[in-house]
């Protein structure tokens, strides 16, 4: 008789297979706060170039960040053309989320790492700086010094100078093209240039139609002084204390204006040298303060903002 023996074995393959699949992890997807900050900067500045200056990156690095963000989310976020950058429908949705996430990030950092500086001060500036410089300054101040409360007063440069001298503000930012009227620190400079509408005809009118601010504006004084010295006839065709108002007059081809070179864009161009308009001086942005600790913090951030501005000295 032949005895056949069988070894008893465990069937463990299915269990091993189940165990191996239970340890498979899906890739973690985390939004980059830096990419979101760049995305918001593009929306606020209207261009990749200006956004790059704000976040201290090259334009190519900004483009790469947005491309990766769009790839992660699976949707196009921005539409670009020769004139401007606009948000898509999905970009509009992301904008609200991005702003909320960035705010939460800054609030959390402030809870643990915020500066101990606290107090209140009054910041004065002319209208033009109130539109193109002060908002970014305040944004960075809120991030870095959340306990400092800043009250802003905007007006014509001459009025703001007078108010500061009377002790009605702690820190003053102002424009000039001559030696400063009060002790101050230069924050940045850029050339004043004659601007006009691209393809416009206002340049050929006689007398020359000008868009200027009210009396007491450094840019107005520089423009009128240069034209008077050159013997060029002109008339005040459009008056607005806000540079955006003067730019609107230029876009409508109602006038030309002396404005900082940084305001040149797809719709505004520099008047050709062949037109024979007189050369304009540099425009300087200066700051005067009461030398307090809070004002010193504002000046430090102002210099940081100035360094981020392209093509400025």
Protein backbone atom coordinates (compact mmCIF):
# COMPACT_ATOMS: atom_id res chain seq x y z
CA UNK A 1 0.00 0.00 0.00
CA UNK A 2 1.33 3.36 -0.95
CA UNK A 3 0.77 6.25 1.43
CA UNK A 4 0.68 9.68 -0.14
CA UNK A 5 1.25 12.70 2.16
CA UNK A 6 0.15 16.26 1.40
CA UNK A 7 1.70 19.33 3.15
CA UNK A 8 -0.87 21.73 4.48
CA UNK A 9 -0.14 25.28 3.27
CA UNK A 10 -1.80 28.64 3.80
CA UNK A 11 -3.19 30.49 0.87
CA UNK A 12 -1.79 33.91 1.65
CA UNK A 13 -1.57 35.53 -1.77
CA UNK A 14 -4.92 37.33 -1.65
CA UNK A 15 -4.11 38.73 1.79
CA UNK A 16 -0.69 39.89 0.66
CA UNK A 17 -2.24 41.52 -2.39
CA UNK A 18 -4.80 43.30 -0.26
CA UNK A 19 -2.11 44.47 2.13
CA UNK A 20 0.05 45.88 -0.66
CA UNK A 21 -2.78 47.85 -2.23
CA UNK A 22 -3.78 49.32 1.12
CA UNK A 23 -0.40 51.12 1.33
CA UNK A 24 -0.65 52.83 -2.06
CA UNK A 25 -0.87 56.61 -1.46
CA UNK A 26 -2.33 59.12 -3.84
CA UNK A 27 0.00 62.04 -4.62
CA UNK A 28 -0.43 64.99 -2.28
CA UNK A 29 -1.55 68.15 -4.07
CA UNK A 30 -0.76 71.40 -2.28
CA UNK A 31 -1.24 74.87 -3.69
CA UNK A 32 1.84 77.08 -3.57
CA UNK A 33 1.26 80.30 -1.66
CA UNK A 34 3.98 81.93 -3.72
CA UNK A 35 2.19 81.02 -6.93
CA UNK A 36 -1.09 82.34 -5.51
CA UNK A 37 0.63 85.57 -4.48
CA UNK A 38 1.97 85.95 -8.01
CA UNK A 39 -1.48 85.23 -9.46
CA UNK A 40 -3.06 87.95 -7.29
CA UNK A 41 -0.25 90.36 -8.23
CA UNK A 42 -1.00 89.81 -11.93
CA UNK A 43 -4.66 90.57 -11.32
CA UNK A 44 -3.85 93.74 -9.36
CA UNK A 45 -1.14 95.11 -11.66
CA UNK A 46 -2.65 94.00 -14.97
CA UNK A 47 0.59 92.64 -16.42
CA UNK A 48 3.14 89.88 -15.96
CA UNK A 49 5.99 92.40 -16.02
CA UNK A 50 4.63 94.58 -13.22
CA UNK A 51 3.64 91.52 -11.20
CA UNK A 52 7.18 90.17 -11.57
CA UNK A 53 8.57 93.40 -10.12
CA UNK A 54 6.14 93.23 -7.20
CA UNK A 55 7.02 89.66 -6.22
CA UNK A 56 10.74 90.09 -7.03
CA UNK A 57 10.87 87.45 -9.78
CA UNK A 58 11.72 87.49 -13.46
CA UNK A 59 8.81 87.57 -15.95
CA UNK A 60 9.77 84.09 -17.15
CA UNK A 61 9.60 82.76 -13.57
CA UNK A 62 6.16 84.32 -13.19
CA UNK A 63 4.98 82.66 -16.41
CA UNK A 64 6.30 79.31 -15.16
CA UNK A 65 4.47 79.67 -11.83
CA UNK A 66 1.18 80.39 -13.58
CA UNK A 67 1.66 77.50 -16.03
CA UNK A 68 2.20 75.07 -13.13
CA UNK A 69 -0.80 76.49 -11.29
CA UNK A 70 -3.02 76.04 -14.34
CA UNK A 71 -1.69 72.50 -14.82
CA UNK A 72 -2.45 71.58 -11.21
CA UNK A 73 -5.98 73.01 -11.30
CA UNK A 74 -6.70 71.75 -14.79
CA UNK A 75 -8.09 75.06 -16.03
CA UNK A 76 -6.89 78.14 -17.82
CA UNK A 77 -6.81 81.05 -15.37
CA UNK A 78 -5.62 84.01 -17.43
CA UNK A 79 -6.15 85.39 -20.91
CA UNK A 80 -3.27 87.41 -22.34
CA UNK A 81 -3.27 89.78 -25.29
CA UNK A 82 -1.10 92.65 -26.46
CA UNK A 83 -2.89 95.17 -24.23
CA UNK A 84 -3.78 93.49 -20.95
CA UNK A 85 -4.21 90.35 -18.90
CA UNK A 86 -7.71 89.33 -17.84
CA UNK A 87 -9.11 86.55 -15.66
CA UNK A 88 -11.07 83.65 -17.07
CA UNK A 89 -14.19 82.37 -15.29
CA UNK A 90 -12.04 79.89 -13.36
CA UNK A 91 -9.54 82.66 -12.64
CA UNK A 92 -12.29 84.71 -11.00
CA UNK A 93 -13.13 81.78 -8.75
CA UNK A 94 -9.50 81.24 -7.81
CA UNK A 95 -8.95 84.93 -7.06
CA UNK A 96 -11.35 84.88 -4.13
CA UNK A 97 -9.84 81.68 -2.74
CA UNK A 98 -6.28 82.92 -3.25
CA UNK A 99 -6.94 86.18 -1.42
CA UNK A 100 -8.50 84.31 1.49
CA UNK A 101 -5.59 81.86 1.72
CA UNK A 102 -2.98 84.63 1.58
CA UNK A 103 -4.79 86.63 4.24
CA UNK A 104 -5.03 83.59 6.51
CA UNK A 105 -1.33 82.94 5.99
CA UNK A 106 -0.36 86.49 6.96
CA UNK A 107 -2.68 86.48 9.98
CA UNK A 108 -1.17 83.22 11.18
CA UNK A 109 2.38 84.50 10.75
CA UNK A 110 1.48 87.71 12.57
CA UNK A 111 0.19 85.71 15.54
CA UNK A 112 3.57 84.06 16.02
CA UNK A 113 6.12 86.26 14.26
CA UNK A 114 4.58 89.72 14.13
CA UNK A 115 6.56 92.80 15.07
CA UNK A 116 6.06 94.21 18.56
CA UNK A 117 5.83 97.72 17.10
CA UNK A 118 2.39 99.20 17.61
CA UNK A 119 0.73 102.57 17.47
CA UNK A 120 -1.00 104.99 15.15
CA UNK A 121 0.32 107.51 12.65
CA UNK A 122 -0.96 109.77 9.88
CA UNK A 123 0.53 109.35 6.39
CA UNK A 124 0.09 112.14 3.85
CA UNK A 125 0.72 111.97 0.10
CA UNK A 126 -0.37 113.61 -3.17
CA UNK A 127 -3.11 111.98 -5.20
CA UNK A 128 -0.78 110.33 -7.70
CA UNK A 129 1.23 108.50 -5.05
CA UNK A 130 -2.00 107.64 -3.29
CA UNK A 131 -3.03 105.66 -6.34
CA UNK A 132 0.16 103.97 -7.52
CA UNK A 133 2.42 103.71 -4.47
CA UNK A 134 0.58 103.99 -1.15
CA UNK A 135 -1.68 100.91 -1.62
CA UNK A 136 1.29 98.57 -2.03
CA UNK A 137 3.05 100.28 0.87
CA UNK A 138 0.03 99.76 3.13
CA UNK A 139 -0.33 96.14 2.04
CA UNK A 140 3.25 95.35 3.03
CA UNK A 141 2.94 97.31 6.25
CA UNK A 142 -0.12 95.28 7.23
CA UNK A 143 1.82 92.07 6.62
CA UNK A 144 4.95 93.13 8.48
CA UNK A 145 3.56 95.41 11.19
CA UNK A 146 -0.05 94.39 11.86
CA UNK A 147 -0.22 96.44 15.09
CA UNK A 148 0.55 99.76 13.39
CA UNK A 149 -2.58 101.65 12.35
CA UNK A 150 -2.07 104.11 9.49
CA UNK A 151 -4.50 106.90 8.63
CA UNK A 152 -4.01 108.20 5.07
CA UNK A 153 -4.56 111.78 3.92
CA UNK A 154 -4.36 112.58 0.19
CA UNK A 155 -4.29 116.00 -1.46
CA UNK A 156 -2.35 118.38 -3.68
CA UNK A 157 1.40 118.28 -2.98
CA UNK A 158 1.60 121.89 -1.81
CA UNK A 159 -1.30 121.39 0.62
CA UNK A 160 0.22 118.18 1.97
CA UNK A 161 3.56 119.95 2.51
CA UNK A 162 1.83 122.74 4.41
CA UNK A 163 -0.13 120.28 6.55
CA UNK A 164 3.01 118.30 7.41
CA UNK A 165 4.86 121.47 8.40
CA UNK A 166 1.93 122.30 10.69
CA UNK A 167 2.26 118.93 12.44
CA UNK A 168 -0.91 117.43 10.96
CA UNK A 169 0.82 114.28 9.71
CA UNK A 170 3.68 112.10 10.94
CA UNK A 171 5.07 111.10 7.57
CA UNK A 172 4.81 112.73 4.15
CA UNK A 173 5.57 111.36 0.69
CA UNK A 174 5.77 113.99 -2.04
CA UNK A 175 7.01 114.65 -5.58
CA UNK A 176 9.41 117.34 -6.66
CA UNK A 177 11.80 118.11 -9.49
CA UNK A 178 13.81 120.76 -7.66
CA UNK A 179 15.79 120.78 -4.42
CA UNK A 180 13.33 119.77 -1.65
CA UNK A 181 11.53 122.49 0.25
CA UNK A 182 11.89 120.59 3.56
CA UNK A 183 14.44 118.12 4.99
CA UNK A 184 13.65 114.77 3.40
CA UNK A 185 15.00 111.49 2.04
CA UNK A 186 14.82 110.51 -1.63
CA UNK A 187 12.96 107.23 -2.08
CA UNK A 188 13.27 106.92 -5.86
CA UNK A 189 13.54 108.95 -9.07
CA UNK A 190 12.30 108.51 -12.61
CA UNK A 191 12.26 110.72 -15.71
CA UNK A 192 9.36 113.00 -16.50
CA UNK A 193 8.43 112.66 -20.17
CA UNK A 194 5.86 114.12 -22.55
CA UNK A 195 3.13 111.54 -23.16
CA UNK A 196 0.37 111.46 -25.78
CA UNK A 197 -2.16 109.02 -27.22
CA UNK A 198 -0.67 106.51 -29.63
CA UNK A 199 -1.53 107.79 -33.07
CA UNK A 200 -2.97 110.98 -31.54
CA UNK A 201 -3.15 114.41 -33.16
CA UNK A 202 -3.30 116.69 -30.10
CA UNK A 203 0.44 117.28 -30.43
CA UNK A 204 -0.09 119.23 -33.66
CA UNK A 205 -2.56 121.72 -32.19
CA UNK A 206 -1.48 125.32 -31.65
CA UNK A 207 -1.41 126.37 -28.88
CA UNK A 208 -0.38 123.01 -27.42
CA UNK A 209 -3.23 121.52 -25.31
CA UNK A 210 -2.04 120.35 -21.89
CA UNK A 211 -3.46 118.05 -19.23
CA UNK A 212 -2.14 119.09 -15.82
CA UNK A 213 -2.92 118.98 -12.12
CA UNK A 214 -3.86 121.96 -10.00
CA UNK A 215 -1.34 124.58 -8.95
CA UNK A 216 1.21 123.27 -6.50
CA UNK A 217 1.92 120.02 -8.39
CA UNK A 218 5.61 119.43 -9.14
CA UNK A 219 4.86 117.89 -12.53
CA UNK A 220 2.71 120.87 -13.53
CA UNK A 221 5.41 123.35 -12.52
CA UNK A 222 8.05 121.37 -14.42
CA UNK A 223 5.92 121.26 -17.59
CA UNK A 224 4.90 124.91 -17.58
CA UNK A 225 8.41 126.04 -16.64
CA UNK A 226 9.96 124.08 -19.51
CA UNK A 227 7.43 125.37 -22.06
CA UNK A 228 7.78 128.98 -20.89
CA UNK A 229 11.55 128.77 -21.06
CA UNK A 230 11.34 127.37 -24.59
CA UNK A 231 8.83 130.00 -25.70
CA UNK A 232 6.28 127.34 -26.72
CA UNK A 233 2.64 128.49 -26.58
CA UNK A 234 0.17 126.25 -24.74
CA UNK A 235 -3.22 126.21 -23.09
CA UNK A 236 -4.59 124.23 -20.12
CA UNK A 237 -7.10 122.01 -21.88
CA UNK A 238 -7.75 119.53 -19.05
CA UNK A 239 -7.16 119.81 -15.31
CA UNK A 240 -7.21 116.85 -12.92
CA UNK A 241 -5.33 116.28 -9.68
CA UNK A 242 -5.33 112.53 -10.35
CA UNK A 243 -2.83 111.18 -12.90
CA UNK A 244 -5.52 108.76 -14.06
CA UNK A 245 -7.65 111.76 -15.01
CA UNK A 246 -4.81 113.28 -17.01
CA UNK A 247 -4.14 109.91 -18.65
CA UNK A 248 -7.82 109.69 -19.60
CA UNK A 249 -7.54 113.03 -21.38
CA UNK A 250 -4.50 111.76 -23.26
CA UNK A 251 -6.23 108.54 -24.30
CA UNK A 252 -9.10 110.62 -25.66
CA UNK A 253 -6.50 112.63 -27.65
CA UNK A 254 -7.51 115.87 -25.93
CA UNK A 255 -4.04 116.89 -24.76
CA UNK A 256 -0.45 115.94 -24.02
CA UNK A 257 1.00 115.83 -20.50
CA UNK A 258 4.24 115.70 -18.53
CA UNK A 259 4.06 112.45 -16.59
CA UNK A 260 6.50 109.85 -15.21
CA UNK A 261 7.88 107.46 -17.80
CA UNK A 262 6.36 104.53 -15.89
CA UNK A 263 2.89 105.67 -17.07
CA UNK A 264 3.70 104.84 -20.68
CA UNK A 265 1.62 101.84 -21.77
CA UNK A 266 -0.07 100.25 -24.77
CA UNK A 267 -2.28 103.34 -25.23
CA UNK A 268 0.15 106.11 -24.24
CA UNK A 269 3.47 106.82 -25.91
CA UNK A 270 6.26 109.34 -25.52
CA UNK A 271 6.04 112.37 -27.77
CA UNK A 272 8.67 111.95 -30.52
CA UNK A 273 11.78 114.08 -30.09
CA UNK A 274 11.18 115.49 -33.57
CA UNK A 275 8.18 117.38 -32.13
CA UNK A 276 10.63 119.73 -30.44
CA UNK A 277 9.07 119.80 -26.98
CA UNK A 278 11.53 120.88 -24.28
CA UNK A 279 13.34 118.33 -22.14
CA UNK A 280 11.85 117.66 -18.71
CA UNK A 281 13.68 117.05 -15.42
CA UNK A 282 13.72 113.97 -13.24
CA UNK A 283 10.81 113.49 -10.86
CA UNK A 284 11.84 112.59 -7.32
CA UNK A 285 9.67 110.91 -4.72
CA UNK A 286 10.79 112.02 -1.27
CA UNK A 287 9.74 111.28 2.27
CA UNK A 288 9.78 113.52 5.33
CA UNK A 289 8.87 112.27 8.80
CA UNK A 290 8.78 113.12 12.48
CA UNK A 291 11.68 110.69 13.11
CA UNK A 292 9.57 108.44 15.29
CA UNK A 293 10.01 104.67 15.44
CA UNK A 294 6.77 104.03 13.56
CA UNK A 295 7.72 106.39 10.74
CA UNK A 296 11.09 104.67 10.42
CA UNK A 297 9.29 101.36 9.86
CA UNK A 298 7.17 102.94 7.10
CA UNK A 299 10.26 104.37 5.39
CA UNK A 300 11.94 100.95 5.46
CA UNK A 301 8.97 99.35 3.71
CA UNK A 302 8.73 102.28 1.26
CA UNK A 303 12.33 101.68 0.19
CA UNK A 304 11.53 98.01 -0.26
CA UNK A 305 8.57 98.87 -2.51
CA UNK A 306 10.75 101.28 -4.50
CA UNK A 307 13.38 98.61 -5.10
CA UNK A 308 10.69 96.39 -6.59
CA UNK A 309 9.65 99.05 -9.13
CA UNK A 310 11.19 98.41 -12.56
CA UNK A 311 13.54 100.86 -14.23
CA UNK A 312 13.69 103.27 -11.30
CA UNK A 313 16.78 104.74 -9.69
